[in-house]
């Protein structure tokens, strides 16, 4: 039945097909009560492709030569990429003051540190981590790398550009704004070049455990406010991937509304003075901070 706008309404069967197809691709679960949201967000794709109904769009996603690119575009439309610099400051403070000293001692011989921002969106989190490393003053002359990944190529392009407006900077203090950004236009700043040089970005679907664009294990993973998009089985697969990519004793930072209850027993909960974080146990048992 068409809307009065002339747009086709997504049938229950079309919703089921599209929902299951998106889930099989990336593990993102579109809840049954989000049929209207899916319909509203995917309609512009039908318009762009000149398609008249969602059944045709489903067949396009399955069989067209451009199906891979379009599926990525559909996932972008269905997910939210809301983030900003220095988000969840309590956790970042604990990371700076309690986790980084541990990593400095542990890696003192190699003088190498690897951190993964999984589901990095447009790069604010990855750049924030790089700024915290500089701010700590602990790693001068070290081999440092912060790697950000996301399923959306569009937001990765924005991350590589490194330019942001007021919304992304709403929790950035004036001194950090002056220290780590340069103005490039009215209400527009760019991350300083030396910070950008510490950060690399790559495309990755967290559901695809065989194609993580990381050459070695990492010392810490930030995967904040990403698991909320997945159902329990998909969350478990993602957590196993994160566990495998962490060095023993490596840290996992989730969003403050997320936890591992009934999802994973692989990690140990670490009670820092300022926050709670998860950690892959050391070989032979957990280690102290």
C-alpha atoms as a PDB file:
ATOM      1  CA  UNK A   1       0.000   0.000   0.000  1.00  0.00           C
ATOM      2  CA  UNK A   2       1.578   3.320  -0.982  1.00  0.00           C
ATOM      3  CA  UNK A   3       1.974   6.252   1.379  1.00  0.00           C
ATOM      4  CA  UNK A   4       0.339   9.513   0.442  1.00  0.00           C
ATOM      5  CA  UNK A   5       3.866  10.570  -0.474  1.00  0.00           C
ATOM      6  CA  UNK A   6       3.833   8.052  -3.294  1.00  0.00           C
ATOM      7  CA  UNK A   7       6.561   6.012  -1.643  1.00  0.00           C
ATOM      8  CA  UNK A   8       6.108   2.245  -1.432  1.00  0.00           C
ATOM      9  CA  UNK A   9       5.507   0.773   2.009  1.00  0.00           C
ATOM     10  CA  UNK A  10       7.847  -2.014   3.100  1.00  0.00           C
ATOM     11  CA  UNK A  11       5.872  -5.223   3.553  1.00  0.00           C
ATOM     12  CA  UNK A  12       6.472  -7.540   6.487  1.00  0.00           C
ATOM     13  CA  UNK A  13       8.080 -10.077   4.164  1.00  0.00           C
ATOM     14  CA  UNK A  14      10.376  -7.442   2.601  1.00  0.00           C
ATOM     15  CA  UNK A  15      11.403  -6.320   6.083  1.00  0.00           C
ATOM     16  CA  UNK A  16      12.199  -9.904   7.090  1.00  0.00           C
ATOM     17  CA  UNK A  17      14.283 -10.512   3.957  1.00  0.00           C
ATOM     18  CA  UNK A  18      16.243  -7.260   4.254  1.00  0.00           C
ATOM     19  CA  UNK A  19      16.706  -7.599   8.018  1.00  0.00           C
ATOM     20  CA  UNK A  20      18.042 -11.158   7.715  1.00  0.00           C
ATOM     21  CA  UNK A  21      20.291 -10.207   4.800  1.00  0.00           C
ATOM     22  CA  UNK A  22      21.872  -7.298   6.693  1.00  0.00           C
ATOM     23  CA  UNK A  23      22.318  -9.510   9.746  1.00  0.00           C
ATOM     24  CA  UNK A  24      24.028 -12.252   7.725  1.00  0.00           C
ATOM     25  CA  UNK A  25      26.414  -9.670   6.261  1.00  0.00           C
ATOM     26  CA  UNK A  26      27.525  -7.787   9.345  1.00  0.00           C
ATOM     27  CA  UNK A  27      25.720  -9.145  12.418  1.00  0.00           C
ATOM     28  CA  UNK A  28      23.778  -5.926  12.937  1.00  0.00           C
ATOM     29  CA  UNK A  29      20.299  -6.753  14.163  1.00  0.00           C
ATOM     30  CA  UNK A  30      17.409  -4.550  13.089  1.00  0.00           C
ATOM     31  CA  UNK A  31      14.696  -5.145  15.681  1.00  0.00           C
ATOM     32  CA  UNK A  32      11.149  -5.976  14.656  1.00  0.00           C
ATOM     33  CA  UNK A  33       9.946  -2.616  15.970  1.00  0.00           C
ATOM     34  CA  UNK A  34      12.360  -0.808  13.618  1.00  0.00           C
ATOM     35  CA  UNK A  35      10.589  -1.680  10.383  1.00  0.00           C
ATOM     36  CA  UNK A  36       9.570   1.935   9.842  1.00  0.00           C
ATOM     37  CA  UNK A  37      13.132   3.111  10.556  1.00  0.00           C
ATOM     38  CA  UNK A  38      14.514   0.680   7.987  1.00  0.00           C
ATOM     39  CA  UNK A  39      11.894   1.742   5.486  1.00  0.00           C
ATOM     40  CA  UNK A  40      12.623   5.454   6.000  1.00  0.00           C
ATOM     41  CA  UNK A  41      16.410   5.068   5.863  1.00  0.00           C
ATOM     42  CA  UNK A  42      16.518   2.780   2.818  1.00  0.00           C
ATOM     43  CA  UNK A  43      13.946   4.626   0.739  1.00  0.00           C
ATOM     44  CA  UNK A  44      16.545   7.162  -0.501  1.00  0.00           C
ATOM     45  CA  UNK A  45      18.553   4.216  -1.834  1.00  0.00           C
ATOM     46  CA  UNK A  46      15.592   3.047  -3.907  1.00  0.00           C
ATOM     47  CA  UNK A  47      15.249   6.576  -5.255  1.00  0.00           C
ATOM     48  CA  UNK A  48      18.961   6.777  -6.056  1.00  0.00           C
ATOM     49  CA  UNK A  49      18.882   3.448  -7.907  1.00  0.00           C
ATOM     50  CA  UNK A  50      15.577   4.096  -9.683  1.00  0.00           C
ATOM     51  CA  UNK A  51      13.846   1.154  -8.002  1.00  0.00           C
ATOM     52  CA  UNK A  52      10.151   1.128  -7.217  1.00  0.00           C
ATOM     53  CA  UNK A  53       9.802  -1.292  -4.301  1.00  0.00           C
ATOM     54  CA  UNK A  54      11.788  -3.008  -1.558  1.00  0.00           C
ATOM     55  CA  UNK A  55      11.507  -6.476  -3.123  1.00  0.00           C
ATOM     56  CA  UNK A  56      13.426  -5.186  -6.137  1.00  0.00           C
ATOM     57  CA  UNK A  57      15.953  -3.574  -3.807  1.00  0.00           C
ATOM     58  CA  UNK A  58      16.425  -6.894  -1.996  1.00  0.00           C
ATOM     59  CA  UNK A  59      17.115  -8.644  -5.319  1.00  0.00           C
ATOM     60  CA  UNK A  60      19.537  -5.850  -6.209  1.00  0.00           C
ATOM     61  CA  UNK A  61      21.451  -6.452  -2.966  1.00  0.00           C
ATOM     62  CA  UNK A  62      21.625 -10.169  -3.692  1.00  0.00           C
ATOM     63  CA  UNK A  63      22.374 -10.361  -7.389  1.00  0.00           C
ATOM     64  CA  UNK A  64      23.463  -7.050  -8.945  1.00  0.00           C
ATOM     65  CA  UNK A  65      27.099  -6.567  -9.942  1.00  0.00           C
ATOM     66  CA  UNK A  66      27.231  -3.560  -7.576  1.00  0.00           C
ATOM     67  CA  UNK A  67      25.646  -5.470  -4.701  1.00  0.00           C
ATOM     68  CA  UNK A  68      28.706  -5.335  -2.423  1.00  0.00           C
ATOM     69  CA  UNK A  69      29.042  -1.573  -2.615  1.00  0.00           C
ATOM     70  CA  UNK A  70      25.304  -1.081  -2.204  1.00  0.00           C
ATOM     71  CA  UNK A  71      25.179  -3.379   0.820  1.00  0.00           C
ATOM     72  CA  UNK A  72      27.839  -1.260   2.509  1.00  0.00           C
ATOM     73  CA  UNK A  73      25.794   1.834   1.680  1.00  0.00           C
ATOM     74  CA  UNK A  74      22.660   0.232   3.135  1.00  0.00           C
ATOM     75  CA  UNK A  75      24.488  -0.621   6.367  1.00  0.00           C
ATOM     76  CA  UNK A  76      25.740   2.958   6.578  1.00  0.00           C
ATOM     77  CA  UNK A  77      22.147   4.162   6.252  1.00  0.00           C
ATOM     78  CA  UNK A  78      20.983   1.844   9.030  1.00  0.00           C
ATOM     79  CA  UNK A  79      23.674   2.684  11.570  1.00  0.00           C
ATOM     80  CA  UNK A  80      24.426   5.828  13.521  1.00  0.00           C
ATOM     81  CA  UNK A  81      27.905   7.274  13.595  1.00  0.00           C
ATOM     82  CA  UNK A  82      27.450   9.689  16.459  1.00  0.00           C
ATOM     83  CA  UNK A  83      30.712  10.284  18.317  1.00  0.00           C
ATOM     84  CA  UNK A  84      33.003  13.071  19.470  1.00  0.00           C
ATOM     85  CA  UNK A  85      36.467  13.751  20.864  1.00  0.00           C
ATOM     86  CA  UNK A  86      37.239  12.892  24.503  1.00  0.00           C
ATOM     87  CA  UNK A  87      33.994  10.961  24.908  1.00  0.00           C
ATOM     88  CA  UNK A  88      33.483   9.263  28.301  1.00  0.00           C
ATOM     89  CA  UNK A  89      36.226  11.233  30.091  1.00  0.00           C
ATOM     90  CA  UNK A  90      36.231   9.092  33.250  1.00  0.00           C
ATOM     91  CA  UNK A  91      37.340   6.056  31.285  1.00  0.00           C
ATOM     92  CA  UNK A  92      39.896   8.054  29.316  1.00  0.00           C
ATOM     93  CA  UNK A  93      41.336   9.438  32.555  1.00  0.00           C
ATOM     94  CA  UNK A  94      41.663   5.917  33.973  1.00  0.00           C
ATOM     95  CA  UNK A  95      43.269   4.778  30.729  1.00  0.00           C
ATOM     96  CA  UNK A  96      45.791   7.615  30.845  1.00  0.00           C
ATOM     97  CA  UNK A  97      46.617   7.462  34.539  1.00  0.00           C
ATOM     98  CA  UNK A  98      46.380   3.729  35.271  1.00  0.00           C
ATOM     99  CA  UNK A  99      46.545   1.674  32.051  1.00  0.00           C
ATOM    100  CA  UNK A 100      49.237   3.548  30.151  1.00  0.00           C
ATOM    101  CA  UNK A 101      51.797   3.260  32.995  1.00  0.00           C
ATOM    102  CA  UNK A 102      51.239  -0.511  32.954  1.00  0.00           C
ATOM    103  CA  UNK A 103      51.734  -0.664  29.209  1.00  0.00           C
ATOM    104  CA  UNK A 104      54.831   1.523  29.466  1.00  0.00           C
ATOM    105  CA  UNK A 105      56.431  -0.882  31.947  1.00  0.00           C
ATOM    106  CA  UNK A 106      55.360  -3.997  30.060  1.00  0.00           C
ATOM    107  CA  UNK A 107      56.626  -2.797  26.686  1.00  0.00           C
ATOM    108  CA  UNK A 108      59.719  -0.979  27.925  1.00  0.00           C
ATOM    109  CA  UNK A 109      62.031  -3.364  26.115  1.00  0.00           C
ATOM    110  CA  UNK A 110      60.275  -3.291  22.718  1.00  0.00           C
ATOM    111  CA  UNK A 111      59.282   0.391  23.030  1.00  0.00           C
ATOM    112  CA  UNK A 112      56.318  -0.453  20.845  1.00  0.00           C
ATOM    113  CA  UNK A 113      52.613   0.155  21.494  1.00  0.00           C
ATOM    114  CA  UNK A 114      49.612  -0.837  19.370  1.00  0.00           C
ATOM    115  CA  UNK A 115      46.036   0.301  20.028  1.00  0.00           C
ATOM    116  CA  UNK A 116      42.933  -0.589  17.989  1.00  0.00           C
ATOM    117  CA  UNK A 117      39.844   1.616  17.790  1.00  0.00           C
ATOM    118  CA  UNK A 118      37.260  -0.919  16.545  1.00  0.00           C
ATOM    119  CA  UNK A 119      34.188   0.706  15.041  1.00  0.00           C
ATOM    120  CA  UNK A 120      36.005   4.026  14.938  1.00  0.00           C
ATOM    121  CA  UNK A 121      33.365   5.899  12.922  1.00  0.00           C
ATOM    122  CA  UNK A 122      34.745   9.228  11.681  1.00  0.00           C
ATOM    123  CA  UNK A 123      37.956   8.973  13.691  1.00  0.00           C
ATOM    124  CA  UNK A 124      37.350  11.038  16.809  1.00  0.00           C
ATOM    125  CA  UNK A 125      38.096   8.158  19.185  1.00  0.00           C
ATOM    126  CA  UNK A 126      41.272   7.033  17.396  1.00  0.00           C
ATOM    127  CA  UNK A 127      42.632  10.586  17.346  1.00  0.00           C
ATOM    128  CA  UNK A 128      41.669  11.054  20.997  1.00  0.00           C
ATOM    129  CA  UNK A 129      43.733   7.995  21.930  1.00  0.00           C
ATOM    130  CA  UNK A 130      46.704   9.344  19.959  1.00  0.00           C
ATOM    131  CA  UNK A 131      46.401  12.664  21.795  1.00  0.00           C
ATOM    132  CA  UNK A 132      46.318  10.857  25.144  1.00  0.00           C
ATOM    133  CA  UNK A 133      49.524   9.025  24.242  1.00  0.00           C
ATOM    134  CA  UNK A 134      51.214  12.342  23.472  1.00  0.00           C
ATOM    135  CA  UNK A 135      49.696  13.996  26.517  1.00  0.00           C
ATOM    136  CA  UNK A 136      51.113  11.292  28.799  1.00  0.00           C
ATOM    137  CA  UNK A 137      54.712  12.172  27.915  1.00  0.00           C
ATOM    138  CA  UNK A 138      55.626   8.497  28.428  1.00  0.00           C
ATOM    139  CA  UNK A 139      56.316   7.306  24.906  1.00  0.00           C
ATOM    140  CA  UNK A 140      58.734   9.728  23.268  1.00  0.00           C
ATOM    141  CA  UNK A 141      60.773   7.840  20.669  1.00  0.00           C
ATOM    142  CA  UNK A 142      58.493   4.784  20.837  1.00  0.00           C
ATOM    143  CA  UNK A 143      56.955   2.995  17.871  1.00  0.00           C
ATOM    144  CA  UNK A 144      53.331   4.026  18.374  1.00  0.00           C
ATOM    145  CA  UNK A 145      50.350   3.106  16.248  1.00  0.00           C
ATOM    146  CA  UNK A 146      46.653   3.701  16.681  1.00  0.00           C
ATOM    147  CA  UNK A 147      44.584   1.847  14.104  1.00  0.00           C
ATOM    148  CA  UNK A 148      40.933   2.671  13.486  1.00  0.00           C
ATOM    149  CA  UNK A 149      38.543   0.387  11.609  1.00  0.00           C
ATOM    150  CA  UNK A 150      34.937   0.719  10.575  1.00  0.00           C
ATOM    151  CA  UNK A 151      32.484  -0.988   8.250  1.00  0.00           C
ATOM    152  CA  UNK A 152      31.572   2.338   6.625  1.00  0.00           C
ATOM    153  CA  UNK A 153      33.900   3.572   3.903  1.00  0.00           C
ATOM    154  CA  UNK A 154      32.167   6.957   4.003  1.00  0.00           C
ATOM    155  CA  UNK A 155      33.056   7.648   7.628  1.00  0.00           C
ATOM    156  CA  UNK A 156      36.568   6.293   7.077  1.00  0.00           C
ATOM    157  CA  UNK A 157      37.068   8.911   4.370  1.00  0.00           C
ATOM    158  CA  UNK A 158      36.047  11.570   6.875  1.00  0.00           C
ATOM    159  CA  UNK A 159      38.394  10.046   9.463  1.00  0.00           C
ATOM    160  CA  UNK A 160      41.354  10.183   7.090  1.00  0.00           C
ATOM    161  CA  UNK A 161      40.567  13.813   6.254  1.00  0.00           C
ATOM    162  CA  UNK A 162      40.612  14.623   9.966  1.00  0.00           C
ATOM    163  CA  UNK A 163      38.480  17.769   9.788  1.00  0.00           C
ATOM    164  CA  UNK A 164      35.715  18.419  12.279  1.00  0.00           C
ATOM    165  CA  UNK A 165      33.075  20.897  13.344  1.00  0.00           C
ATOM    166  CA  UNK A 166      31.673  22.033  16.700  1.00  0.00           C
ATOM    167  CA  UNK A 167      29.631  18.898  17.401  1.00  0.00           C
ATOM    168  CA  UNK A 168      32.698  16.662  17.353  1.00  0.00           C
ATOM    169  CA  UNK A 169      34.555  19.071  19.623  1.00  0.00           C
ATOM    170  CA  UNK A 170      31.908  19.635  22.295  1.00  0.00           C
ATOM    171  CA  UNK A 171      33.954  17.857  24.993  1.00  0.00           C
ATOM    172  CA  UNK A 172      37.321  19.191  23.876  1.00  0.00           C
ATOM    173  CA  UNK A 173      38.858  21.689  26.283  1.00  0.00           C
ATOM    174  CA  UNK A 174      40.254  24.963  24.889  1.00  0.00           C
ATOM    175  CA  UNK A 175      43.832  23.979  25.742  1.00  0.00           C
ATOM    176  CA  UNK A 176      43.553  20.673  23.850  1.00  0.00           C
ATOM    177  CA  UNK A 177      41.850  22.459  20.981  1.00  0.00           C
ATOM    178  CA  UNK A 178      44.806  24.819  20.749  1.00  0.00           C
ATOM    179  CA  UNK A 179      47.372  22.043  21.183  1.00  0.00           C
ATOM    180  CA  UNK A 180      46.132  19.389  18.775  1.00  0.00           C
ATOM    181  CA  UNK A 181      44.085  21.167  16.073  1.00  0.00           C
ATOM    182  CA  UNK A 182      44.592  23.840  13.448  1.00  0.00           C
ATOM    183  CA  UNK A 183      41.819  26.058  12.119  1.00  0.00           C
ATOM    184  CA  UNK A 184      40.979  25.466   8.463  1.00  0.00           C
ATOM    185  CA  UNK A 185      37.836  27.579   8.149  1.00  0.00           C
ATOM    186  CA  UNK A 186      34.902  29.077  10.035  1.00  0.00           C
ATOM    187  CA  UNK A 187      33.945  26.599  12.758  1.00  0.00           C
ATOM    188  CA  UNK A 188      36.187  24.000  11.172  1.00  0.00           C
ATOM    189  CA  UNK A 189      39.432  22.500  12.484  1.00  0.00           C
ATOM    190  CA  UNK A 190      41.829  19.779  11.354  1.00  0.00           C
ATOM    191  CA  UNK A 191      43.760  17.379  13.565  1.00  0.00           C
ATOM    192  CA  UNK A 192      47.416  18.379  13.703  1.00  0.00           C
ATOM    193  CA  UNK A 193      49.659  16.516  11.249  1.00  0.00           C
ATOM    194  CA  UNK A 194      51.851  14.805  13.864  1.00  0.00           C
ATOM    195  CA  UNK A 195      48.743  13.366  15.538  1.00  0.00           C
ATOM    196  CA  UNK A 196      47.338  12.219  12.204  1.00  0.00           C
ATOM    197  CA  UNK A 197      50.651  10.520  11.427  1.00  0.00           C
ATOM    198  CA  UNK A 198      50.174   8.285  14.475  1.00  0.00           C
ATOM    199  CA  UNK A 199      46.798   7.023  13.277  1.00  0.00           C
ATOM    200  CA  UNK A 200      45.877   4.785  10.358  1.00  0.00           C
ATOM    201  CA  UNK A 201      42.443   3.678   9.206  1.00  0.00           C
ATOM    202  CA  UNK A 202      41.157   0.582   7.464  1.00  0.00           C
ATOM    203  CA  UNK A 203      37.876  -0.941   6.352  1.00  0.00           C
ATOM    204  CA  UNK A 204      36.707  -3.900   8.403  1.00  0.00           C
ATOM    205  CA  UNK A 205      33.495  -5.749   9.098  1.00  0.00           C
ATOM    206  CA  UNK A 206      33.753  -6.967  12.708  1.00  0.00           C
ATOM    207  CA  UNK A 207      31.802 -10.066  11.689  1.00  0.00           C
ATOM    208  CA  UNK A 208      34.625 -11.054   9.352  1.00  0.00           C
ATOM    209  CA  UNK A 209      37.177 -12.601  11.690  1.00  0.00           C
ATOM    210  CA  UNK A 210      39.582 -13.512   8.899  1.00  0.00           C
ATOM    211  CA  UNK A 211      40.208 -10.054   7.483  1.00  0.00           C
ATOM    212  CA  UNK A 212      41.231  -7.874  10.427  1.00  0.00           C
ATOM    213  CA  UNK A 213      43.608  -5.276   8.934  1.00  0.00           C
ATOM    214  CA  UNK A 214      46.123  -5.544  11.769  1.00  0.00           C
ATOM    215  CA  UNK A 215      49.594  -6.946  11.248  1.00  0.00           C
ATOM    216  CA  UNK A 216      50.078  -7.924  14.893  1.00  0.00           C
ATOM    217  CA  UNK A 217      48.230  -8.187  18.184  1.00  0.00           C
ATOM    218  CA  UNK A 218      47.418  -5.005  20.041  1.00  0.00           C
ATOM    219  CA  UNK A 219      47.923  -3.821  23.610  1.00  0.00           C
ATOM    220  CA  UNK A 220      44.478  -2.277  23.981  1.00  0.00           C
ATOM    221  CA  UNK A 221      41.184  -2.178  22.111  1.00  0.00           C
ATOM    222  CA  UNK A 222      38.608   0.577  22.273  1.00  0.00           C
ATOM    223  CA  UNK A 223      35.276  -0.840  21.111  1.00  0.00           C
ATOM    224  CA  UNK A 224      32.861   1.585  22.674  1.00  0.00           C
ATOM    225  CA  UNK A 225      29.157   1.756  21.874  1.00  0.00           C
ATOM    226  CA  UNK A 226      29.562  -0.693  18.990  1.00  0.00           C
ATOM    227  CA  UNK A 227      28.221  -3.922  20.477  1.00  0.00           C
ATOM    228  CA  UNK A 228      24.815  -2.294  20.915  1.00  0.00           C
ATOM    229  CA  UNK A 229      24.182  -2.876  17.215  1.00  0.00           C
ATOM    230  CA  UNK A 230      24.564  -6.656  17.515  1.00  0.00           C
ATOM    231  CA  UNK A 231      22.461  -9.423  19.000  1.00  0.00           C
ATOM    232  CA  UNK A 232      23.958 -11.774  21.608  1.00  0.00           C
ATOM    233  CA  UNK A 233      25.447 -14.389  19.213  1.00  0.00           C
ATOM    234  CA  UNK A 234      27.067 -11.679  17.092  1.00  0.00           C
ATOM    235  CA  UNK A 235      28.393  -9.903  20.210  1.00  0.00           C
ATOM    236  CA  UNK A 236      29.988 -13.153  21.321  1.00  0.00           C
ATOM    237  CA  UNK A 237      31.725 -13.598  17.966  1.00  0.00           C
ATOM    238  CA  UNK A 238      32.998 -10.009  18.025  1.00  0.00           C
ATOM    239  CA  UNK A 239      34.282 -10.411  21.587  1.00  0.00           C
ATOM    240  CA  UNK A 240      36.124 -13.583  20.640  1.00  0.00           C
ATOM    241  CA  UNK A 241      37.748 -11.686  17.780  1.00  0.00           C
ATOM    242  CA  UNK A 242      38.810  -8.885  20.118  1.00  0.00           C
ATOM    243  CA  UNK A 243      40.180 -11.421  22.589  1.00  0.00           C
ATOM    244  CA  UNK A 244      42.233 -13.110  19.867  1.00  0.00           C
ATOM    245  CA  UNK A 245      43.693  -9.784  18.700  1.00  0.00           C
ATOM    246  CA  UNK A 246      44.748  -8.659  22.174  1.00  0.00           C
ATOM    247  CA  UNK A 247      48.090  -9.609  23.660  1.00  0.00           C
ATOM    248  CA  UNK A 248      47.810 -11.482  26.983  1.00  0.00           C
ATOM    249  CA  UNK A 249      47.241  -8.782  29.565  1.00  0.00           C
ATOM    250  CA  UNK A 250      45.830  -6.442  26.913  1.00  0.00           C
ATOM    251  CA  UNK A 251      42.935  -4.156  27.805  1.00  0.00           C
ATOM    252  CA  UNK A 252      39.436  -3.899  26.369  1.00  0.00           C
ATOM    253  CA  UNK A 253      37.517  -0.645  26.766  1.00  0.00           C
ATOM    254  CA  UNK A 254      33.751  -0.829  26.169  1.00  0.00           C
ATOM    255  CA  UNK A 255      31.145   1.921  26.418  1.00  0.00           C
ATOM    256  CA  UNK A 256      29.863   2.632  29.903  1.00  0.00           C
ATOM    257  CA  UNK A 257      26.464   1.190  29.049  1.00  0.00           C
ATOM    258  CA  UNK A 258      28.016  -2.086  27.875  1.00  0.00           C
ATOM    259  CA  UNK A 259      29.222  -5.135  29.795  1.00  0.00           C
ATOM    260  CA  UNK A 260      30.134  -8.772  29.184  1.00  0.00           C
ATOM    261  CA  UNK A 261      27.521 -10.374  31.446  1.00  0.00           C
ATOM    262  CA  UNK A 262      26.260 -13.578  29.783  1.00  0.00           C
ATOM    263  CA  UNK A 263      28.411 -12.814  26.724  1.00  0.00           C
ATOM    264  CA  UNK A 264      32.007 -13.789  27.463  1.00  0.00           C
ATOM    265  CA  UNK A 265      34.011 -15.356  30.271  1.00  0.00           C
ATOM    266  CA  UNK A 266      37.283 -14.828  28.412  1.00  0.00           C
ATOM    267  CA  UNK A 267      38.027 -11.447  29.952  1.00  0.00           C
ATOM    268  CA  UNK A 268      38.662 -10.463  33.538  1.00  0.00           C
ATOM    269  CA  UNK A 269      37.129  -7.342  35.037  1.00  0.00           C
ATOM    270  CA  UNK A 270      39.782  -4.936  36.291  1.00  0.00           C
ATOM    271  CA  UNK A 271      38.876  -2.502  39.070  1.00  0.00           C
ATOM    272  CA  UNK A 272      40.919   0.611  38.441  1.00  0.00           C
ATOM    273  CA  UNK A 273      40.733   3.526  40.845  1.00  0.00           C
ATOM    274  CA  UNK A 274      38.775   5.578  38.366  1.00  0.00           C
ATOM    275  CA  UNK A 275      36.813   3.042  36.321  1.00  0.00           C
ATOM    276  CA  UNK A 276      36.190  -0.580  35.406  1.00  0.00           C
ATOM    277  CA  UNK A 277      37.784  -2.067  32.296  1.00  0.00           C
ATOM    278  CA  UNK A 278      38.212  -5.553  30.898  1.00  0.00           C
ATOM    279  CA  UNK A 279      41.477  -7.357  30.284  1.00  0.00           C
ATOM    280  CA  UNK A 280      42.612 -10.517  28.531  1.00  0.00           C
ATOM    281  CA  UNK A 281      44.205 -12.558  31.338  1.00  0.00           C
ATOM    282  CA  UNK A 282      47.929 -13.050  31.363  1.00  0.00           C
ATOM    283  CA  UNK A 283      49.088 -16.527  30.425  1.00  0.00           C
ATOM    284  CA  UNK A 284      48.585 -18.776  33.436  1.00  0.00           C
ATOM    285  CA  UNK A 285      46.174 -16.400  35.147  1.00  0.00           C
ATOM    286  CA  UNK A 286      45.327 -12.755  35.690  1.00  0.00           C
ATOM    287  CA  UNK A 287      47.979 -10.181  36.438  1.00  0.00           C
ATOM    288  CA  UNK A 288      47.787  -7.127  38.602  1.00  0.00           C
ATOM    289  CA  UNK A 289      47.802  -3.599  37.414  1.00  0.00           C
END
